[in-house]
Amino acid sequence: HIWYDFHAECKGGRWDRLNHLLEEVTPTLNKHGYFCAVPKSRHCGYGASWELVSLQDGIVRTNCMDCLDRTNVVQSMFGRHILYRQLHQRV
């Protein structure tokens, strides 16, 4: 559990302060991993075989007490972080 006062930290448009939260959460995000499966052949329709590359072992729950927009900002930041990691590792 991590307490983060979004309103106080980002007051005055200081969106850069979200990086402090991401830095604190990154070890947990990395430990959770992500689900990845790739087709074994070019045919990936019905009945195709898939290879499991990695499994996800956790979730992140974000709850803002009074604003869904702030919840979405934080969740999308976490999502972009994991997506970048996935794409970087698949190259």
N, C-alpha and C. Protein backbone atom coordinates (compact mmCIF):
# COMPACT_ATOMS: atom_id res chain seq x y z
N HIS A 1 0.84 -1.17 0.00
CA HIS A 1 0.00 0.00 0.00
C HIS A 1 0.89 1.24 0.00
N ILE A 2 0.63 2.14 -0.94
CA ILE A 2 1.38 3.38 -1.04
C ILE A 2 0.40 4.55 -1.00
N TRP A 3 0.61 5.45 -0.08
CA TRP A 3 -0.22 6.64 0.03
C TRP A 3 0.43 7.74 -0.80
N TYR A 4 -0.36 8.35 -1.70
CA TYR A 4 0.15 9.43 -2.54
C TYR A 4 -0.94 10.49 -2.64
N ASP A 5 -0.65 11.69 -2.17
CA ASP A 5 -1.61 12.78 -2.22
C ASP A 5 -1.44 13.52 -3.55
N PHE A 6 -2.18 13.06 -4.55
CA PHE A 6 -2.06 13.58 -5.91
C PHE A 6 -2.27 15.10 -5.92
N HIS A 7 -3.31 15.56 -5.27
CA HIS A 7 -3.65 16.99 -5.28
C HIS A 7 -2.51 17.83 -4.70
N ALA A 8 -1.95 17.40 -3.59
CA ALA A 8 -0.87 18.16 -2.97
C ALA A 8 0.42 18.09 -3.79
N GLU A 9 0.74 16.91 -4.31
CA GLU A 9 1.98 16.73 -5.05
C GLU A 9 1.99 17.45 -6.39
N CYS A 10 0.85 17.46 -7.06
CA CYS A 10 0.79 18.01 -8.43
C CYS A 10 0.15 19.40 -8.49
N LYS A 11 0.02 20.02 -7.33
CA LYS A 11 -0.60 21.36 -7.27
C LYS A 11 0.15 22.32 -8.20
N GLY A 12 -0.61 23.16 -8.86
CA GLY A 12 -0.01 24.15 -9.75
C GLY A 12 0.51 23.58 -11.05
N GLY A 13 -0.03 22.43 -11.46
CA GLY A 13 0.38 21.84 -12.74
C GLY A 13 1.73 21.14 -12.70
N ARG A 14 2.19 20.74 -11.53
CA ARG A 14 3.47 20.06 -11.39
C ARG A 14 3.34 18.57 -11.71
N TRP A 15 2.98 18.27 -12.95
CA TRP A 15 2.77 16.89 -13.38
C TRP A 15 4.07 16.09 -13.30
N ASP A 16 5.20 16.77 -13.36
CA ASP A 16 6.49 16.08 -13.28
C ASP A 16 6.66 15.34 -11.95
N ARG A 17 5.92 15.77 -10.93
CA ARG A 17 6.03 15.14 -9.62
C ARG A 17 5.45 13.73 -9.59
N LEU A 18 4.70 13.36 -10.64
CA LEU A 18 4.20 11.98 -10.75
C LEU A 18 5.36 11.00 -10.90
N ASN A 19 6.50 11.48 -11.39
CA ASN A 19 7.67 10.61 -11.53
C ASN A 19 8.12 10.05 -10.18
N HIS A 20 7.92 10.81 -9.11
CA HIS A 20 8.28 10.30 -7.78
C HIS A 20 7.45 9.06 -7.44
N LEU A 21 6.17 9.12 -7.77
CA LEU A 21 5.31 7.96 -7.53
C LEU A 21 5.74 6.78 -8.39
N LEU A 22 6.00 7.03 -9.66
CA LEU A 22 6.41 5.95 -10.56
C LEU A 22 7.71 5.31 -10.08
N GLU A 23 8.66 6.12 -9.64
CA GLU A 23 9.92 5.57 -9.13
C GLU A 23 9.70 4.68 -7.91
N GLU A 24 8.75 5.05 -7.07
CA GLU A 24 8.46 4.26 -5.88
C GLU A 24 7.75 2.95 -6.22
N VAL A 25 6.93 2.98 -7.25
CA VAL A 25 6.11 1.80 -7.61
C VAL A 25 6.83 0.87 -8.60
N THR A 26 7.81 1.37 -9.33
CA THR A 26 8.47 0.58 -10.37
C THR A 26 8.98 -0.78 -9.90
N PRO A 27 9.65 -0.90 -8.75
CA PRO A 27 10.08 -2.24 -8.33
C PRO A 27 8.93 -3.23 -8.20
N THR A 28 7.79 -2.77 -7.71
CA THR A 28 6.62 -3.64 -7.58
C THR A 28 6.06 -3.99 -8.95
N LEU A 29 5.97 -3.00 -9.84
CA LEU A 29 5.48 -3.26 -11.20
C LEU A 29 6.37 -4.29 -11.89
N ASN A 30 7.67 -4.13 -11.74
CA ASN A 30 8.59 -5.07 -12.38
C ASN A 30 8.47 -6.47 -11.78
N LYS A 31 8.24 -6.56 -10.49
CA LYS A 31 8.08 -7.86 -9.83
C LYS A 31 6.81 -8.56 -10.30
N HIS A 32 5.75 -7.79 -10.53
CA HIS A 32 4.47 -8.36 -10.98
C HIS A 32 4.59 -8.96 -12.38
N GLY A 33 5.44 -8.38 -13.21
CA GLY A 33 5.57 -8.86 -14.57
C GLY A 33 4.34 -8.52 -15.41
N TYR A 34 4.21 -9.23 -16.53
CA TYR A 34 3.07 -9.02 -17.42
C TYR A 34 2.84 -10.30 -18.22
N PHE A 35 1.62 -10.44 -18.70
CA PHE A 35 1.26 -11.61 -19.51
C PHE A 35 1.68 -11.36 -20.95
N CYS A 36 2.33 -12.35 -21.55
CA CYS A 36 2.71 -12.25 -22.96
C CYS A 36 2.64 -13.64 -23.59
N ALA A 37 1.90 -13.76 -24.67
CA ALA A 37 1.83 -14.99 -25.45
C ALA A 37 2.01 -14.63 -26.92
N VAL A 38 2.78 -15.41 -27.62
CA VAL A 38 3.02 -15.15 -29.04
C VAL A 38 2.65 -16.39 -29.84
N PRO A 39 2.15 -16.19 -31.07
CA PRO A 39 1.80 -17.36 -31.89
C PRO A 39 3.06 -18.12 -32.30
N LYS A 40 2.96 -19.44 -32.36
CA LYS A 40 4.09 -20.27 -32.76
C LYS A 40 4.29 -20.25 -34.26
N SER A 41 3.27 -19.83 -35.00
CA SER A 41 3.39 -19.73 -36.45
C SER A 41 2.70 -18.44 -36.90
N ARG A 42 2.78 -18.17 -38.18
CA ARG A 42 2.15 -16.95 -38.72
C ARG A 42 0.63 -17.03 -38.67
N HIS A 43 0.10 -18.24 -38.66
CA HIS A 43 -1.34 -18.43 -38.58
C HIS A 43 -1.76 -18.31 -37.12
N CYS A 44 -2.48 -17.25 -36.80
CA CYS A 44 -2.86 -17.07 -35.39
C CYS A 44 -4.38 -17.00 -35.24
N GLY A 45 -5.10 -17.67 -36.11
CA GLY A 45 -6.55 -17.71 -36.01
C GLY A 45 -7.00 -18.79 -35.04
N TYR A 46 -8.23 -19.21 -35.21
CA TYR A 46 -8.81 -20.24 -34.34
C TYR A 46 -7.98 -21.52 -34.40
N GLY A 47 -7.66 -22.08 -33.26
CA GLY A 47 -6.91 -23.32 -33.19
C GLY A 47 -5.40 -23.15 -33.27
N ALA A 48 -4.93 -21.93 -33.36
CA ALA A 48 -3.49 -21.70 -33.45
C ALA A 48 -2.81 -22.05 -32.13
N SER A 49 -1.55 -22.41 -32.22
CA SER A 49 -0.76 -22.70 -31.02
C SER A 49 -0.06 -21.43 -30.57
N TRP A 50 -0.01 -21.26 -29.27
CA TRP A 50 0.61 -20.08 -28.69
C TRP A 50 1.71 -20.49 -27.72
N GLU A 51 2.73 -19.68 -27.65
CA GLU A 51 3.82 -19.90 -26.71
C GLU A 51 3.73 -18.84 -25.61
N LEU A 52 3.68 -19.30 -24.37
CA LEU A 52 3.67 -18.36 -23.25
C LEU A 52 5.09 -17.86 -23.01
N VAL A 53 5.25 -16.55 -23.10
CA VAL A 53 6.56 -15.95 -22.92
C VAL A 53 6.73 -15.50 -21.47
N SER A 54 5.68 -14.92 -20.91
CA SER A 54 5.75 -14.49 -19.51
C SER A 54 4.34 -14.44 -18.91
N LEU A 55 4.30 -14.57 -17.60
CA LEU A 55 3.04 -14.52 -16.88
C LEU A 55 3.04 -13.34 -15.92
N GLN A 56 1.87 -12.79 -15.72
CA GLN A 56 1.69 -11.69 -14.77
C GLN A 56 1.39 -12.28 -13.40
N ASP A 57 2.00 -11.70 -12.38
CA ASP A 57 1.86 -12.25 -11.04
C ASP A 57 1.37 -11.20 -10.03
N GLY A 58 0.55 -10.28 -10.47
CA GLY A 58 0.02 -9.26 -9.57
C GLY A 58 -0.79 -8.23 -10.32
N ILE A 59 -1.45 -7.38 -9.56
CA ILE A 59 -2.24 -6.29 -10.13
C ILE A 59 -1.95 -5.02 -9.35
N VAL A 60 -2.32 -3.90 -9.94
CA VAL A 60 -2.21 -2.61 -9.28
C VAL A 60 -3.59 -2.00 -9.19
N ARG A 61 -3.97 -1.62 -8.01
CA ARG A 61 -5.27 -0.98 -7.81
C ARG A 61 -5.01 0.46 -7.43
N THR A 62 -5.67 1.38 -8.12
CA THR A 62 -5.53 2.81 -7.86
C THR A 62 -6.88 3.35 -7.47
N ASN A 63 -6.92 4.11 -6.40
CA ASN A 63 -8.17 4.67 -5.94
C ASN A 63 -7.96 6.12 -5.49
N CYS A 64 -8.61 7.03 -6.17
CA CYS A 64 -8.62 8.42 -5.75
C CYS A 64 -9.95 8.65 -5.04
N MET A 65 -9.88 9.23 -3.87
CA MET A 65 -11.07 9.36 -3.05
C MET A 65 -12.14 10.27 -3.64
N ASP A 66 -11.75 11.21 -4.51
CA ASP A 66 -12.74 12.17 -4.98
C ASP A 66 -12.68 12.50 -6.47
N CYS A 67 -11.83 11.80 -7.23
CA CYS A 67 -11.71 12.21 -8.63
C CYS A 67 -11.27 11.04 -9.52
N LEU A 68 -12.17 10.60 -10.37
CA LEU A 68 -11.85 9.51 -11.29
C LEU A 68 -10.77 9.93 -12.29
N ASP A 69 -10.72 11.21 -12.66
CA ASP A 69 -9.70 11.67 -13.60
C ASP A 69 -8.29 11.45 -13.06
N ARG A 70 -8.08 11.72 -11.78
CA ARG A 70 -6.76 11.51 -11.19
C ARG A 70 -6.42 10.02 -11.13
N THR A 71 -7.41 9.19 -10.84
CA THR A 71 -7.20 7.74 -10.86
C THR A 71 -6.75 7.32 -12.25
N ASN A 72 -7.41 7.82 -13.27
CA ASN A 72 -7.07 7.46 -14.65
C ASN A 72 -5.68 7.95 -15.05
N VAL A 73 -5.29 9.13 -14.57
CA VAL A 73 -3.95 9.65 -14.88
C VAL A 73 -2.89 8.70 -14.33
N VAL A 74 -3.06 8.28 -13.09
CA VAL A 74 -2.08 7.40 -12.46
C VAL A 74 -2.07 6.03 -13.13
N GLN A 75 -3.24 5.45 -13.37
CA GLN A 75 -3.30 4.12 -14.01
C GLN A 75 -2.70 4.17 -15.41
N SER A 76 -2.96 5.24 -16.17
CA SER A 76 -2.42 5.32 -17.53
C SER A 76 -0.89 5.47 -17.49
N MET A 77 -0.37 6.16 -16.47
CA MET A 77 1.08 6.27 -16.31
C MET A 77 1.69 4.89 -16.06
N PHE A 78 1.07 4.11 -15.18
CA PHE A 78 1.55 2.75 -14.92
C PHE A 78 1.44 1.90 -16.18
N GLY A 79 0.33 2.02 -16.88
CA GLY A 79 0.13 1.26 -18.12
C GLY A 79 1.16 1.58 -19.18
N ARG A 80 1.49 2.87 -19.36
CA ARG A 80 2.52 3.25 -20.33
C ARG A 80 3.88 2.69 -19.93
N HIS A 81 4.17 2.70 -18.64
CA HIS A 81 5.44 2.16 -18.16
C HIS A 81 5.56 0.67 -18.52
N ILE A 82 4.52 -0.10 -18.25
CA ILE A 82 4.55 -1.53 -18.55
C ILE A 82 4.56 -1.78 -20.06
N LEU A 83 3.78 -1.00 -20.81
CA LEU A 83 3.78 -1.17 -22.27
C LEU A 83 5.17 -0.91 -22.84
N TYR A 84 5.84 0.14 -22.37
CA TYR A 84 7.20 0.41 -22.84
C TYR A 84 8.11 -0.77 -22.52
N ARG A 85 7.98 -1.30 -21.33
CA ARG A 85 8.79 -2.45 -20.92
C ARG A 85 8.53 -3.65 -21.83
N GLN A 86 7.25 -3.92 -22.13
CA GLN A 86 6.90 -5.04 -23.00
C GLN A 86 7.52 -4.86 -24.39
N LEU A 87 7.34 -3.67 -24.96
CA LEU A 87 7.85 -3.43 -26.31
C LEU A 87 9.38 -3.47 -26.33
N HIS A 88 10.00 -2.94 -25.32
CA HIS A 88 11.45 -2.94 -25.25
C HIS A 88 12.00 -4.37 -25.16
N GLN A 89 11.35 -5.22 -24.40
CA GLN A 89 11.81 -6.59 -24.24
C GLN A 89 11.51 -7.46 -25.46
N ARG A 90 10.54 -7.07 -26.28
CA ARG A 90 10.18 -7.88 -27.46
C ARG A 90 11.04 -7.54 -28.66
N VAL A 91 11.84 -6.51 -28.59
CA VAL A 91 12.66 -6.11 -29.72
C VAL A 91 13.85 -7.02 -29.88
